[in-house]
């Protein structure tokens, strides 16, 4: 699939870009207004992704809270199912000494995340196009998981028809992540949002909860 088949960002033409969020030539980073609230950030997406954001993409406040727990200097954090990159971009903006990576299997969402990364010019954010089962978990220190597998058992709320979805895949991915997290060393940090907790090994201790217990922070003992 060619990249030019994907929806362009609204900011493709400078005439369409809000003057307040044109990146500053002094620091080469997008103006803080972009990360000030969800409406401002979601404006950067093509329209149909703006409609998906509320249900499928991490809100800015959640991303910042989760990243605060995960952000240790010079560590690598992986967002499992990073979508259009909202968590990684927000986390990378607020916590510059941590490296954030997102893995996403939908080509268009990965392409969109890469475009926004180029626009924001955040040097500590990277995106990987692929399936979570293709990732070497040894390369990452801590993890963020906004239940990207749940779409397999709630297809009424699926993003699109570009990938295979099934209950068997949900069970497979959940077990795969469980085993990958089990192999991580003591001290590994994990943040889950809207998780059924089937992917969390028993030796991960609940360290904190937030946002009506939907956001949970774990440390491997």
C-alpha atoms as a PDB file:
ATOM      1  CA  UNK A   1       0.000   0.000   0.000  1.00  0.00           C
ATOM      2  CA  UNK A   2       1.410   3.385  -0.980  1.00  0.00           C
ATOM      3  CA  UNK A   3       1.597   6.174   1.589  1.00  0.00           C
ATOM      4  CA  UNK A   4      -0.131   8.633  -0.756  1.00  0.00           C
ATOM      5  CA  UNK A   5      -3.289   6.521  -0.483  1.00  0.00           C
ATOM      6  CA  UNK A   6      -3.665   7.589   3.140  1.00  0.00           C
ATOM      7  CA  UNK A   7      -5.584  10.608   4.381  1.00  0.00           C
ATOM      8  CA  UNK A   8      -3.351  13.688   4.612  1.00  0.00           C
ATOM      9  CA  UNK A   9      -2.998  15.649   7.820  1.00  0.00           C
ATOM     10  CA  UNK A  10      -5.132  18.800   8.009  1.00  0.00           C
ATOM     11  CA  UNK A  11      -1.857  20.679   8.455  1.00  0.00           C
ATOM     12  CA  UNK A  12      -0.632  19.616   5.037  1.00  0.00           C
ATOM     13  CA  UNK A  13      -1.126  23.129   3.733  1.00  0.00           C
ATOM     14  CA  UNK A  14       0.286  26.013   5.742  1.00  0.00           C
ATOM     15  CA  UNK A  15      -2.899  27.922   4.968  1.00  0.00           C
ATOM     16  CA  UNK A  16      -4.811  25.376   7.066  1.00  0.00           C
ATOM     17  CA  UNK A  17      -2.461  25.414  10.055  1.00  0.00           C
ATOM     18  CA  UNK A  18      -3.484  27.378  13.118  1.00  0.00           C
ATOM     19  CA  UNK A  19      -0.887  30.137  13.601  1.00  0.00           C
ATOM     20  CA  UNK A  20      -0.580  29.237  17.295  1.00  0.00           C
ATOM     21  CA  UNK A  21       0.775  25.741  16.607  1.00  0.00           C
ATOM     22  CA  UNK A  22       3.296  26.428  13.875  1.00  0.00           C
ATOM     23  CA  UNK A  23       6.490  25.094  15.381  1.00  0.00           C
ATOM     24  CA  UNK A  24       8.885  27.593  16.864  1.00  0.00           C
ATOM     25  CA  UNK A  25      12.155  28.074  14.949  1.00  0.00           C
ATOM     26  CA  UNK A  26      13.898  28.622  18.292  1.00  0.00           C
ATOM     27  CA  UNK A  27      13.384  25.171  19.757  1.00  0.00           C
ATOM     28  CA  UNK A  28      12.095  23.242  16.710  1.00  0.00           C
ATOM     29  CA  UNK A  29       9.225  21.791  18.778  1.00  0.00           C
ATOM     30  CA  UNK A  30       5.535  22.255  18.310  1.00  0.00           C
ATOM     31  CA  UNK A  31       4.003  24.991  20.454  1.00  0.00           C
ATOM     32  CA  UNK A  32       2.714  23.818  23.829  1.00  0.00           C
ATOM     33  CA  UNK A  33      -0.842  24.625  22.701  1.00  0.00           C
ATOM     34  CA  UNK A  34      -0.954  21.362  20.753  1.00  0.00           C
ATOM     35  CA  UNK A  35      -0.592  19.411  23.995  1.00  0.00           C
ATOM     36  CA  UNK A  36      -2.814  21.690  26.075  1.00  0.00           C
ATOM     37  CA  UNK A  37      -6.062  19.724  25.622  1.00  0.00           C
ATOM     38  CA  UNK A  38      -7.543  16.905  23.583  1.00  0.00           C
ATOM     39  CA  UNK A  39      -9.506  19.145  21.237  1.00  0.00           C
ATOM     40  CA  UNK A  40      -6.337  20.951  20.170  1.00  0.00           C
ATOM     41  CA  UNK A  41      -4.387  17.722  19.717  1.00  0.00           C
ATOM     42  CA  UNK A  42      -7.128  15.809  17.912  1.00  0.00           C
ATOM     43  CA  UNK A  43      -7.490  18.664  15.444  1.00  0.00           C
ATOM     44  CA  UNK A  44      -4.228  17.495  13.902  1.00  0.00           C
ATOM     45  CA  UNK A  45      -5.845  14.202  12.771  1.00  0.00           C
ATOM     46  CA  UNK A  46      -7.847  13.736   9.558  1.00  0.00           C
ATOM     47  CA  UNK A  47     -11.550  14.113  10.336  1.00  0.00           C
ATOM     48  CA  UNK A  48     -12.486  10.414  10.528  1.00  0.00           C
ATOM     49  CA  UNK A  49      -9.691   9.808  13.028  1.00  0.00           C
ATOM     50  CA  UNK A  50     -10.859  12.745  15.115  1.00  0.00           C
ATOM     51  CA  UNK A  51     -14.130  10.842  15.558  1.00  0.00           C
ATOM     52  CA  UNK A  52     -12.245   7.719  16.674  1.00  0.00           C
ATOM     53  CA  UNK A  53     -10.035   9.486  19.168  1.00  0.00           C
ATOM     54  CA  UNK A  54     -12.410   9.569  22.127  1.00  0.00           C
ATOM     55  CA  UNK A  55     -12.823   5.790  22.182  1.00  0.00           C
ATOM     56  CA  UNK A  56      -9.568   4.461  20.754  1.00  0.00           C
ATOM     57  CA  UNK A  57      -6.771   6.957  21.511  1.00  0.00           C
ATOM     58  CA  UNK A  58      -5.340   7.775  24.937  1.00  0.00           C
ATOM     59  CA  UNK A  59      -6.547  11.129  26.367  1.00  0.00           C
ATOM     60  CA  UNK A  60      -3.761  13.614  27.077  1.00  0.00           C
ATOM     61  CA  UNK A  61      -4.326  13.581  30.833  1.00  0.00           C
ATOM     62  CA  UNK A  62      -4.117   9.766  30.930  1.00  0.00           C
ATOM     63  CA  UNK A  63      -1.011   9.759  28.745  1.00  0.00           C
ATOM     64  CA  UNK A  64       0.781  12.254  30.969  1.00  0.00           C
ATOM     65  CA  UNK A  65      -0.165  10.397  34.168  1.00  0.00           C
ATOM     66  CA  UNK A  66       0.909   7.042  32.749  1.00  0.00           C
ATOM     67  CA  UNK A  67       4.150   8.427  31.356  1.00  0.00           C
ATOM     68  CA  UNK A  68       5.020  10.028  34.672  1.00  0.00           C
ATOM     69  CA  UNK A  69       5.049   6.557  36.239  1.00  0.00           C
ATOM     70  CA  UNK A  70       6.932   4.943  33.340  1.00  0.00           C
ATOM     71  CA  UNK A  71       9.463   7.688  32.698  1.00  0.00           C
ATOM     72  CA  UNK A  72      12.822   6.823  34.171  1.00  0.00           C
ATOM     73  CA  UNK A  73      15.844   8.555  32.590  1.00  0.00           C
ATOM     74  CA  UNK A  74      17.462   6.764  29.651  1.00  0.00           C
ATOM     75  CA  UNK A  75      14.913   3.930  29.581  1.00  0.00           C
ATOM     76  CA  UNK A  76      12.818   2.683  26.662  1.00  0.00           C
ATOM     77  CA  UNK A  77       9.028   2.532  26.978  1.00  0.00           C
ATOM     78  CA  UNK A  78       6.911   0.561  24.494  1.00  0.00           C
ATOM     79  CA  UNK A  79       3.275   1.409  23.733  1.00  0.00           C
ATOM     80  CA  UNK A  80       1.656  -1.886  22.702  1.00  0.00           C
ATOM     81  CA  UNK A  81      -0.787  -0.959  19.944  1.00  0.00           C
ATOM     82  CA  UNK A  82       0.147   2.689  19.549  1.00  0.00           C
ATOM     83  CA  UNK A  83      -2.509   3.662  17.019  1.00  0.00           C
ATOM     84  CA  UNK A  84      -1.983   7.204  15.761  1.00  0.00           C
ATOM     85  CA  UNK A  85       0.737   7.828  18.329  1.00  0.00           C
ATOM     86  CA  UNK A  86      -1.058  10.017  20.844  1.00  0.00           C
ATOM     87  CA  UNK A  87       0.407   8.377  23.962  1.00  0.00           C
ATOM     88  CA  UNK A  88       4.006   8.334  22.720  1.00  0.00           C
ATOM     89  CA  UNK A  89       3.883  11.889  21.418  1.00  0.00           C
ATOM     90  CA  UNK A  90       2.379  13.256  24.620  1.00  0.00           C
ATOM     91  CA  UNK A  91       4.766  11.281  26.796  1.00  0.00           C
ATOM     92  CA  UNK A  92       7.756  12.308  24.705  1.00  0.00           C
ATOM     93  CA  UNK A  93       6.754  15.953  24.879  1.00  0.00           C
ATOM     94  CA  UNK A  94       6.531  15.976  28.683  1.00  0.00           C
ATOM     95  CA  UNK A  95       9.378  13.587  29.544  1.00  0.00           C
ATOM     96  CA  UNK A  96      12.388  14.305  27.356  1.00  0.00           C
ATOM     97  CA  UNK A  97      14.877  11.985  29.089  1.00  0.00           C
ATOM     98  CA  UNK A  98      12.876   8.816  28.320  1.00  0.00           C
ATOM     99  CA  UNK A  99      12.561   7.163  24.906  1.00  0.00           C
ATOM    100  CA  UNK A 100       9.065   6.193  23.798  1.00  0.00           C
ATOM    101  CA  UNK A 101       8.317   3.618  21.097  1.00  0.00           C
ATOM    102  CA  UNK A 102       4.981   2.581  19.669  1.00  0.00           C
ATOM    103  CA  UNK A 103       4.186  -0.570  17.717  1.00  0.00           C
ATOM    104  CA  UNK A 104       1.150  -0.525  15.435  1.00  0.00           C
ATOM    105  CA  UNK A 105      -0.024  -3.079  12.841  1.00  0.00           C
ATOM    106  CA  UNK A 106      -2.385  -0.809  10.910  1.00  0.00           C
ATOM    107  CA  UNK A 107      -0.337   0.797   8.149  1.00  0.00           C
ATOM    108  CA  UNK A 108      -2.410   3.975   7.931  1.00  0.00           C
ATOM    109  CA  UNK A 109      -2.280   4.631  11.679  1.00  0.00           C
ATOM    110  CA  UNK A 110       1.479   4.048  11.696  1.00  0.00           C
ATOM    111  CA  UNK A 111       1.846   6.417   8.733  1.00  0.00           C
ATOM    112  CA  UNK A 112      -0.230   9.048  10.535  1.00  0.00           C
ATOM    113  CA  UNK A 113       1.841   8.729  13.711  1.00  0.00           C
ATOM    114  CA  UNK A 114       5.046   9.140  11.713  1.00  0.00           C
ATOM    115  CA  UNK A 115       3.701  12.285  10.043  1.00  0.00           C
ATOM    116  CA  UNK A 116       2.749  13.861  13.360  1.00  0.00           C
ATOM    117  CA  UNK A 117       6.139  12.919  14.789  1.00  0.00           C
ATOM    118  CA  UNK A 118       7.841  14.782  11.931  1.00  0.00           C
ATOM    119  CA  UNK A 119       5.610  17.774  12.584  1.00  0.00           C
ATOM    120  CA  UNK A 120       6.277  17.851  16.329  1.00  0.00           C
ATOM    121  CA  UNK A 121       9.960  16.990  15.838  1.00  0.00           C
ATOM    122  CA  UNK A 122      10.234  15.055  19.105  1.00  0.00           C
ATOM    123  CA  UNK A 123      13.622  13.277  19.080  1.00  0.00           C
ATOM    124  CA  UNK A 124      12.728  10.758  21.817  1.00  0.00           C
ATOM    125  CA  UNK A 125       9.702   9.264  20.005  1.00  0.00           C
ATOM    126  CA  UNK A 126       9.787   6.443  17.455  1.00  0.00           C
ATOM    127  CA  UNK A 127       7.149   4.260  15.792  1.00  0.00           C
ATOM    128  CA  UNK A 128       7.406   0.671  14.584  1.00  0.00           C
ATOM    129  CA  UNK A 129       5.143  -0.760  11.885  1.00  0.00           C
ATOM    130  CA  UNK A 130       4.345  -4.333  12.811  1.00  0.00           C
ATOM    131  CA  UNK A 131       2.492  -6.805  14.975  1.00  0.00           C
ATOM    132  CA  UNK A 132       3.256  -7.062  18.684  1.00  0.00           C
ATOM    133  CA  UNK A 133       4.407 -10.663  18.154  1.00  0.00           C
ATOM    134  CA  UNK A 134       7.237  -9.333  15.975  1.00  0.00           C
ATOM    135  CA  UNK A 135       8.660  -7.235  18.815  1.00  0.00           C
ATOM    136  CA  UNK A 136      11.702  -8.211  20.857  1.00  0.00           C
ATOM    137  CA  UNK A 137      10.567  -7.313  24.368  1.00  0.00           C
ATOM    138  CA  UNK A 138      14.160  -7.525  25.599  1.00  0.00           C
ATOM    139  CA  UNK A 139      14.813  -4.208  23.843  1.00  0.00           C
ATOM    140  CA  UNK A 140      12.362  -2.323  26.093  1.00  0.00           C
ATOM    141  CA  UNK A 141      12.314  -1.546  29.801  1.00  0.00           C
ATOM    142  CA  UNK A 142       8.715  -0.562  30.573  1.00  0.00           C
ATOM    143  CA  UNK A 143       5.313  -0.850  28.877  1.00  0.00           C
ATOM    144  CA  UNK A 144       2.026   0.947  28.261  1.00  0.00           C
ATOM    145  CA  UNK A 145      -1.078  -1.022  27.251  1.00  0.00           C
ATOM    146  CA  UNK A 146      -4.429   0.565  26.362  1.00  0.00           C
ATOM    147  CA  UNK A 147      -6.081  -2.819  25.725  1.00  0.00           C
ATOM    148  CA  UNK A 148      -5.449  -2.819  21.998  1.00  0.00           C
ATOM    149  CA  UNK A 149      -6.480  -6.505  21.869  1.00  0.00           C
ATOM    150  CA  UNK A 150     -10.053  -5.879  23.055  1.00  0.00           C
ATOM    151  CA  UNK A 151     -11.173  -4.902  19.562  1.00  0.00           C
ATOM    152  CA  UNK A 152     -11.002  -8.614  18.715  1.00  0.00           C
ATOM    153  CA  UNK A 153     -13.928  -9.373  21.042  1.00  0.00           C
ATOM    154  CA  UNK A 154     -15.827  -6.105  20.577  1.00  0.00           C
ATOM    155  CA  UNK A 155     -16.031  -5.831  16.819  1.00  0.00           C
ATOM    156  CA  UNK A 156     -19.013  -3.485  16.981  1.00  0.00           C
ATOM    157  CA  UNK A 157     -16.481  -0.830  17.953  1.00  0.00           C
ATOM    158  CA  UNK A 158     -13.640  -1.811  15.645  1.00  0.00           C
ATOM    159  CA  UNK A 159     -11.534   0.876  13.984  1.00  0.00           C
ATOM    160  CA  UNK A 160     -11.758  -0.484  10.431  1.00  0.00           C
ATOM    161  CA  UNK A 161     -11.654  -3.678   8.355  1.00  0.00           C
ATOM    162  CA  UNK A 162      -7.965  -3.640   7.459  1.00  0.00           C
ATOM    163  CA  UNK A 163      -6.807  -6.342   9.904  1.00  0.00           C
ATOM    164  CA  UNK A 164      -8.112  -9.729  10.957  1.00  0.00           C
ATOM    165  CA  UNK A 165     -10.104  -9.775  14.211  1.00  0.00           C
ATOM    166  CA  UNK A 166     -11.333 -12.768  16.198  1.00  0.00           C
ATOM    167  CA  UNK A 167     -11.774 -14.083  19.723  1.00  0.00           C
ATOM    168  CA  UNK A 168      -9.023 -16.612  19.090  1.00  0.00           C
ATOM    169  CA  UNK A 169      -6.646 -13.773  18.211  1.00  0.00           C
ATOM    170  CA  UNK A 170      -7.609 -11.979  21.401  1.00  0.00           C
ATOM    171  CA  UNK A 171      -6.694 -15.064  23.416  1.00  0.00           C
ATOM    172  CA  UNK A 172      -3.477 -15.568  21.454  1.00  0.00           C
ATOM    173  CA  UNK A 173      -2.281 -11.974  21.831  1.00  0.00           C
ATOM    174  CA  UNK A 174      -3.216 -11.903  25.510  1.00  0.00           C
ATOM    175  CA  UNK A 175      -1.263 -15.076  26.218  1.00  0.00           C
ATOM    176  CA  UNK A 176       1.667 -13.832  24.144  1.00  0.00           C
ATOM    177  CA  UNK A 177       1.860 -10.589  26.112  1.00  0.00           C
ATOM    178  CA  UNK A 178       1.493 -12.465  29.397  1.00  0.00           C
ATOM    179  CA  UNK A 179       4.512 -14.615  28.553  1.00  0.00           C
ATOM    180  CA  UNK A 180       6.550 -11.635  27.311  1.00  0.00           C
ATOM    181  CA  UNK A 181       5.881  -9.686  30.505  1.00  0.00           C
ATOM    182  CA  UNK A 182       6.656 -12.756  32.608  1.00  0.00           C
ATOM    183  CA  UNK A 183      10.134 -12.884  31.099  1.00  0.00           C
ATOM    184  CA  UNK A 184      10.967  -9.302  32.066  1.00  0.00           C
ATOM    185  CA  UNK A 185      13.214  -8.641  35.087  1.00  0.00           C
ATOM    186  CA  UNK A 186      12.212  -7.415  38.514  1.00  0.00           C
ATOM    187  CA  UNK A 187      11.462  -3.700  38.537  1.00  0.00           C
ATOM    188  CA  UNK A 188       9.764  -3.665  35.123  1.00  0.00           C
ATOM    189  CA  UNK A 189       6.946  -1.136  35.075  1.00  0.00           C
ATOM    190  CA  UNK A 190       3.615  -1.579  33.306  1.00  0.00           C
ATOM    191  CA  UNK A 191       0.661   0.779  32.942  1.00  0.00           C
ATOM    192  CA  UNK A 192      -2.709  -0.568  31.785  1.00  0.00           C
ATOM    193  CA  UNK A 193      -5.794   1.405  30.772  1.00  0.00           C
ATOM    194  CA  UNK A 194      -9.185  -0.322  30.404  1.00  0.00           C
ATOM    195  CA  UNK A 195      -7.514  -3.710  30.813  1.00  0.00           C
ATOM    196  CA  UNK A 196      -9.276  -6.968  31.688  1.00  0.00           C
ATOM    197  CA  UNK A 197      -5.939  -7.855  33.384  1.00  0.00           C
ATOM    198  CA  UNK A 198      -5.684 -11.239  31.692  1.00  0.00           C
ATOM    199  CA  UNK A 199      -2.305 -10.250  30.262  1.00  0.00           C
ATOM    200  CA  UNK A 200      -0.757  -9.354  33.647  1.00  0.00           C
ATOM    201  CA  UNK A 201       1.442 -11.993  35.336  1.00  0.00           C
ATOM    202  CA  UNK A 202       0.862 -12.632  39.034  1.00  0.00           C
ATOM    203  CA  UNK A 203       4.247 -11.255  40.045  1.00  0.00           C
ATOM    204  CA  UNK A 204       3.305  -7.738  38.922  1.00  0.00           C
ATOM    205  CA  UNK A 205       2.315  -5.754  42.018  1.00  0.00           C
ATOM    206  CA  UNK A 206      -0.321  -3.040  41.753  1.00  0.00           C
ATOM    207  CA  UNK A 207       1.480   0.172  42.707  1.00  0.00           C
ATOM    208  CA  UNK A 208      -1.198   2.797  42.035  1.00  0.00           C
ATOM    209  CA  UNK A 209      -4.624   3.327  40.476  1.00  0.00           C
ATOM    210  CA  UNK A 210      -6.210   6.403  38.975  1.00  0.00           C
ATOM    211  CA  UNK A 211      -9.183   7.627  36.935  1.00  0.00           C
ATOM    212  CA  UNK A 212     -11.810   5.484  38.687  1.00  0.00           C
ATOM    213  CA  UNK A 213      -9.422   2.483  38.681  1.00  0.00           C
ATOM    214  CA  UNK A 214      -9.354   2.366  34.865  1.00  0.00           C
ATOM    215  CA  UNK A 215      -5.691   3.381  34.870  1.00  0.00           C
ATOM    216  CA  UNK A 216      -3.466   0.976  36.792  1.00  0.00           C
ATOM    217  CA  UNK A 217       0.260   1.029  37.431  1.00  0.00           C
ATOM    218  CA  UNK A 218       2.229  -2.136  38.080  1.00  0.00           C
ATOM    219  CA  UNK A 219       5.790  -3.097  39.082  1.00  0.00           C
ATOM    220  CA  UNK A 220       7.237  -6.576  38.698  1.00  0.00           C
ATOM    221  CA  UNK A 221       8.505  -7.931  42.016  1.00  0.00           C
END
